[in-house]
Amino acid sequence: MSDMNILAIGASRNIGYQSAVRLLEKGATVTFLLRSPAVFDNDAVIQRFVATDKARLVKGDATSEEDLRLVWNAAGVVDAVVFSVGGTPSFSLTKGIVIEPHNLVTQCMLNLLCTLPTYEDAPQPKIVAISSIGLTPAAHKALPLLMKPLYSMLDTPHKDKVGLERVLFHCAGWEWNPTSGEPEVDITGEGWQQRPGLPAPGTLKHLLIVRPAWLTDGKSKADQCEREGKKDKLGYRYSEHEISTYGISRADIAHFVANSFSHWEELENKAINVGY
């Protein structure tokens, strides 16, 4: 872990930020793509790692393919990407919870993949992408009854996450379940499969999709288990199969992400649901 070189996309706050801090504390080098690097000016934790060149702050926007090319070059040979892009939510009486632009996550991932470098002497970077539980009809059915109305309010951002997963499934060569439906054209863009630079089906080799349950700002139960010496317990559950769960803290998703690289062989090329 101490020699890993990480590229963090969407890590100015929340899961991406907390994952990056955990990785920095494990000794990794993390390059952040930030619309405003000044967001960390008063962040003592990040500045401590900036001072040792373990945290590198690059100005740019993941909605720009050119900015993605620049950050790949600035980061050097990248071992892994933590992709946790998400807009600032707002509430609409007619649409529920919305983000702007409505296709932010999908378009940023397309830009990332279309600029994915090929290294002569290093493997293709691992990609950890944050998605969500409850995207498909089967996943929604597995939700606890009390949570279903809340997830129904997430229709707009979930359409974007479906776009994210459809793009990743395509590039990884995974079978897409027809019952999940195809993302709308205004999410992916017309003819997205033919975008220049997009990895051909089956050529995206090292992928982990993380599907958190309803996110909270609570403390990490995994950290508490570690403090109490419960080394055989995580405090949360994860599975390839649908799990009935009410939620999970962003801190514990960050714990899962940061620790995923320590048992990558178990998780590689899977979509994992995580919750309490």
Protein backbone atom coordinates (compact mmCIF):
# COMPACT_ATOMS: atom_id res chain seq x y z
CA MET A 1 0.00 0.00 0.00
CA SER A 2 2.81 2.40 0.87
CA ASP A 3 4.06 2.56 -2.72
CA MET A 4 0.65 2.87 -4.41
CA ASN A 5 0.05 5.85 -6.67
CA ILE A 6 -3.64 6.83 -6.55
CA LEU A 7 -5.64 9.20 -8.75
CA ALA A 8 -8.69 10.59 -6.92
CA ILE A 9 -11.55 11.97 -9.01
CA GLY A 10 -14.36 13.64 -7.06
CA ALA A 11 -12.46 13.65 -3.77
CA SER A 12 -12.89 17.20 -2.50
CA ARG A 13 -15.38 15.92 0.08
CA ASN A 14 -17.42 12.96 1.35
CA ILE A 15 -16.48 9.38 0.34
CA GLY A 16 -13.70 10.34 -2.04
CA TYR A 17 -12.07 12.66 0.46
CA GLN A 18 -12.29 10.21 3.34
CA SER A 19 -11.00 7.37 1.15
CA ALA A 20 -8.07 9.50 0.01
CA VAL A 21 -7.14 10.45 3.57
CA ARG A 22 -7.18 6.79 4.61
CA LEU A 23 -4.97 5.88 1.66
CA LEU A 24 -2.56 8.72 2.44
CA GLU A 25 -2.35 7.53 6.02
CA LYS A 26 -1.45 4.07 4.72
CA GLY A 27 1.46 5.61 2.81
CA ALA A 28 0.00 5.99 -0.68
CA THR A 29 0.57 8.98 -2.93
CA VAL A 30 -2.70 10.61 -4.01
CA THR A 31 -3.20 13.03 -6.88
CA PHE A 32 -6.44 15.01 -6.57
CA LEU A 33 -8.22 16.55 -9.55
CA LEU A 34 -9.94 19.63 -8.12
CA ARG A 35 -11.96 22.40 -9.68
CA SER A 36 -10.58 24.61 -6.89
CA PRO A 37 -7.41 23.39 -5.13
CA ALA A 38 -8.08 26.20 -2.62
CA VAL A 39 -10.71 23.92 -1.07
CA PHE A 40 -7.83 22.36 0.89
CA ASP A 41 -6.06 25.61 1.86
CA ASN A 42 -7.24 25.33 5.47
CA ASP A 43 -7.27 21.55 5.65
CA ALA A 44 -4.45 20.65 8.03
CA VAL A 45 -4.66 16.94 7.22
CA ILE A 46 -4.25 17.38 3.47
CA GLN A 47 -1.66 20.12 3.87
CA ARG A 48 0.48 17.78 5.98
CA PHE A 49 0.65 15.40 3.02
CA VAL A 50 1.07 18.21 0.49
CA ALA A 51 4.20 19.23 2.40
CA THR A 52 5.72 15.79 1.83
CA ASP A 53 4.52 15.59 -1.81
CA LYS A 54 2.33 12.60 -0.97
CA ALA A 55 -0.79 14.64 -1.79
CA ARG A 56 -0.71 16.43 -5.14
CA LEU A 57 -3.39 18.96 -6.04
CA VAL A 58 -4.13 19.48 -9.74
CA LYS A 59 -6.59 22.12 -10.92
CA GLY A 60 -9.12 20.80 -13.39
CA ASP A 61 -12.63 19.54 -13.98
CA ALA A 62 -13.58 15.92 -14.72
CA THR A 63 -16.26 17.18 -17.12
CA SER A 64 -13.36 18.14 -19.42
CA GLU A 65 -11.65 15.35 -21.32
CA GLU A 66 -8.61 17.59 -21.76
CA ASP A 67 -8.34 18.14 -17.99
CA LEU A 68 -8.44 14.36 -17.49
CA ARG A 69 -5.51 13.97 -19.90
CA LEU A 70 -3.60 16.60 -17.96
CA VAL A 71 -4.17 14.95 -14.58
CA TRP A 72 -3.19 11.50 -15.87
CA ASN A 73 0.09 13.02 -17.05
CA ALA A 74 0.59 14.91 -13.78
CA ALA A 75 -0.01 11.78 -11.71
CA GLY A 76 2.59 9.65 -13.49
CA VAL A 77 2.10 5.88 -13.58
CA VAL A 78 -1.16 5.36 -11.69
CA ASP A 79 -1.83 2.14 -9.81
CA ALA A 80 -5.47 2.84 -9.03
CA VAL A 81 -8.26 5.38 -9.50
CA VAL A 82 -10.86 6.17 -6.86
CA PHE A 83 -13.83 7.64 -8.74
CA SER A 84 -16.45 9.17 -6.45
CA VAL A 85 -17.90 12.00 -8.52
CA GLY A 86 -21.25 13.29 -7.30
CA GLY A 87 -23.03 16.60 -7.61
CA THR A 88 -24.48 18.74 -4.84
CA PRO A 89 -28.07 17.52 -4.44
CA SER A 90 -31.09 19.78 -4.37
CA PHE A 91 -34.79 19.03 -4.01
CA SER A 92 -37.44 19.48 -6.67
CA LEU A 93 -41.16 19.06 -5.92
CA THR A 94 -41.66 17.36 -9.28
CA LYS A 95 -38.41 15.38 -9.60
CA GLY A 96 -37.35 14.69 -6.02
CA ILE A 97 -33.60 14.86 -5.36
CA VAL A 98 -31.66 16.18 -8.37
CA ILE A 99 -28.12 17.09 -9.30
CA GLU A 100 -26.86 19.45 -11.99
CA PRO A 101 -25.89 18.53 -14.58
CA HIS A 102 -28.12 15.47 -14.49
CA ASN A 103 -25.54 13.31 -16.32
CA LEU A 104 -22.48 14.46 -14.36
CA VAL A 105 -21.30 11.06 -13.12
CA THR A 106 -21.66 9.24 -16.44
CA GLN A 107 -19.95 11.95 -18.46
CA CYS A 108 -17.03 12.23 -16.04
CA MET A 109 -16.51 8.46 -16.20
CA LEU A 110 -16.63 8.52 -19.99
CA ASN A 111 -13.95 11.23 -19.97
CA LEU A 112 -11.84 9.19 -17.55
CA LEU A 113 -12.07 6.04 -19.66
CA CYS A 114 -11.49 7.83 -22.97
CA THR A 115 -8.20 9.16 -21.59
CA LEU A 116 -7.13 5.94 -19.82
CA PRO A 117 -3.38 5.61 -20.45
CA THR A 118 -1.55 2.54 -21.68
CA TYR A 119 1.71 2.00 -19.81
CA GLU A 120 4.62 0.15 -21.38
CA ASP A 121 5.96 -1.27 -18.13
CA ALA A 122 2.96 -1.20 -15.80
CA PRO A 123 -0.51 -2.78 -15.75
CA GLN A 124 -3.71 -0.94 -16.50
CA PRO A 125 -4.81 1.04 -13.43
CA LYS A 126 -7.37 -0.47 -11.10
CA ILE A 127 -10.62 1.51 -11.02
CA VAL A 128 -12.89 1.73 -7.97
CA ALA A 129 -16.15 3.46 -8.91
CA ILE A 130 -18.80 4.52 -6.40
CA SER A 131 -22.33 3.75 -7.53
CA SER A 132 -25.41 2.98 -5.39
CA ILE A 133 -27.66 0.25 -4.11
CA GLY A 134 -31.23 0.20 -5.43
CA LEU A 135 -30.63 1.14 -9.08
CA THR A 136 -32.43 -1.71 -10.81
CA PRO A 137 -35.91 -3.16 -10.30
CA ALA A 138 -34.41 -6.23 -8.59
CA ALA A 139 -32.24 -4.07 -6.36
CA HIS A 140 -35.16 -1.82 -5.45
CA LYS A 141 -37.24 -4.89 -4.58
CA ALA A 142 -34.56 -6.03 -2.12
CA LEU A 143 -34.70 -2.75 -0.17
CA PRO A 144 -36.37 -2.67 3.24
CA LEU A 145 -39.98 -1.56 2.89
CA LEU A 146 -39.41 1.68 4.81
CA MET A 147 -36.53 2.67 2.50
CA LYS A 148 -38.37 2.25 -0.81
CA PRO A 149 -40.10 5.67 -0.74
CA LEU A 150 -36.75 7.37 -0.04
CA TYR A 151 -35.05 5.62 -2.95
CA SER A 152 -37.95 6.59 -5.20
CA MET A 153 -36.90 10.21 -4.61
CA LEU A 154 -33.49 9.40 -6.10
CA ASP A 155 -34.82 8.64 -9.58
CA THR A 156 -32.85 11.41 -11.32
CA PRO A 157 -29.40 10.79 -9.78
CA HIS A 158 -29.95 7.03 -10.07
CA LYS A 159 -30.48 7.37 -13.83
CA ASP A 160 -27.00 8.87 -13.89
CA LYS A 161 -25.60 5.97 -11.83
CA VAL A 162 -27.25 3.50 -14.21
CA GLY A 163 -25.40 5.31 -17.00
CA LEU A 164 -22.16 4.98 -15.03
CA GLU A 165 -22.63 1.25 -14.56
CA ARG A 166 -23.72 0.66 -18.17
CA VAL A 167 -20.53 2.28 -19.45
CA LEU A 168 -18.37 0.27 -17.05
CA PHE A 169 -20.14 -3.01 -17.84
CA HIS A 170 -19.64 -2.32 -21.55
CA CYS A 171 -15.91 -1.63 -21.27
CA ALA A 172 -15.30 -4.52 -18.87
CA GLY A 173 -17.24 -6.92 -21.09
CA TRP A 174 -19.68 -7.82 -18.32
CA GLU A 175 -23.14 -9.05 -19.25
CA TRP A 176 -25.77 -6.33 -18.78
CA ASN A 177 -29.10 -7.53 -17.46
CA PRO A 178 -31.83 -6.40 -19.91
CA THR A 179 -34.24 -5.90 -17.00
CA SER A 180 -31.97 -3.09 -15.80
CA GLY A 181 -32.89 -1.09 -18.89
CA GLU A 182 -30.66 1.07 -21.03
CA PRO A 183 -29.68 4.56 -19.85
CA GLU A 184 -31.36 7.45 -21.60
CA VAL A 185 -29.48 9.09 -24.46
CA ASP A 186 -29.25 12.41 -22.60
CA ILE A 187 -27.27 10.57 -19.89
CA THR A 188 -24.68 8.81 -22.06
CA GLY A 189 -24.79 10.89 -25.22
CA GLU A 190 -25.60 9.60 -28.70
CA GLY A 191 -23.29 6.84 -29.93
CA TRP A 192 -21.27 6.75 -26.71
CA GLN A 193 -19.91 3.28 -27.52
CA GLN A 194 -18.01 4.77 -30.46
CA ARG A 195 -16.37 7.61 -28.53
CA PRO A 196 -12.69 7.88 -29.48
CA GLY A 197 -10.46 6.30 -26.87
CA LEU A 198 -13.21 4.40 -25.04
CA PRO A 199 -11.89 0.94 -24.09
CA ALA A 200 -13.32 -1.78 -26.31
CA PRO A 201 -15.60 -4.34 -24.61
CA GLY A 202 -13.60 -6.65 -22.38
CA THR A 203 -10.46 -4.50 -22.31
CA LEU A 204 -11.14 -2.77 -18.99
CA LYS A 205 -9.41 -5.32 -16.79
CA HIS A 206 -9.28 -4.23 -13.14
CA LEU A 207 -12.64 -2.89 -12.00
CA LEU A 208 -14.54 -2.70 -8.73
CA ILE A 209 -17.99 -1.10 -8.55
CA VAL A 210 -19.00 -0.18 -5.00
CA ARG A 211 -22.73 0.16 -4.31
CA PRO A 212 -23.31 1.84 -0.95
CA ALA A 213 -26.61 1.72 0.89
CA TRP A 214 -28.31 4.99 1.94
CA LEU A 215 -25.44 7.20 3.01
CA THR A 216 -25.12 8.86 6.40
CA ASP A 217 -22.53 11.03 8.11
CA GLY A 218 -22.08 8.69 11.05
CA LYS A 219 -18.78 7.45 12.43
CA SER A 220 -17.04 4.34 11.16
CA LYS A 221 -18.19 1.14 12.84
CA ALA A 222 -15.17 -0.60 11.29
CA ASP A 223 -12.83 1.79 13.09
CA GLN A 224 -14.68 1.11 16.34
CA CYS A 225 -14.30 -2.64 15.87
CA GLU A 226 -10.58 -2.19 15.30
CA ARG A 227 -10.23 -0.03 18.42
CA GLU A 228 -12.03 -2.70 20.43
CA GLY A 229 -9.76 -5.43 19.09
CA LYS A 230 -12.52 -7.16 17.12
CA LYS A 231 -10.24 -8.05 14.23
CA ASP A 232 -12.72 -10.56 12.81
CA LYS A 233 -15.49 -7.95 12.47
CA LEU A 234 -15.94 -5.05 10.05
CA GLY A 235 -19.12 -3.53 11.44
CA TYR A 236 -20.68 -3.63 7.97
CA ARG A 237 -21.62 -6.23 5.36
CA TYR A 238 -20.68 -6.53 1.71
CA SER A 239 -21.79 -8.94 -0.98
CA GLU A 240 -22.16 -9.41 -4.72
CA HIS A 241 -25.77 -10.29 -4.00
CA GLU A 242 -28.52 -7.83 -3.09
CA ILE A 243 -28.61 -7.07 0.62
CA SER A 244 -31.50 -5.66 2.63
CA THR A 245 -30.00 -2.74 4.49
CA TYR A 246 -31.09 0.65 5.80
CA GLY A 247 -27.86 2.54 5.31
CA ILE A 248 -24.15 2.96 5.92
CA SER A 249 -21.87 5.84 6.86
CA ARG A 250 -19.65 7.49 4.30
CA ALA A 251 -16.80 6.77 6.72
CA ASP A 252 -17.38 3.04 6.42
CA ILE A 253 -17.61 3.16 2.63
CA ALA A 254 -14.26 4.99 2.72
CA HIS A 255 -12.95 2.21 4.97
CA PHE A 256 -14.12 -0.39 2.45
CA VAL A 257 -12.58 1.49 -0.49
CA ALA A 258 -9.23 2.08 1.19
CA ASN A 259 -9.01 -1.53 2.30
CA SER A 260 -10.16 -2.99 -1.02
CA PHE A 261 -6.64 -2.88 -2.41
CA SER A 262 -5.42 -5.16 0.39
CA HIS A 263 -7.73 -7.95 -0.77
CA TRP A 264 -8.12 -6.99 -4.42
CA GLU A 265 -8.13 -10.58 -5.69
CA GLU A 266 -11.42 -11.15 -3.82
CA LEU A 267 -13.09 -8.01 -5.18
CA GLU A 268 -11.68 -7.45 -8.67
CA ASN A 269 -14.20 -7.36 -11.51
CA LYS A 270 -17.22 -7.39 -9.23
CA ALA A 271 -20.03 -5.07 -8.25
CA ILE A 272 -20.27 -5.12 -4.46
CA ASN A 273 -23.20 -3.97 -2.31
CA VAL A 274 -22.16 -2.52 1.06
CA GLY A 275 -24.35 -1.72 4.06
CA TYR A 276 -25.07 -2.46 7.71
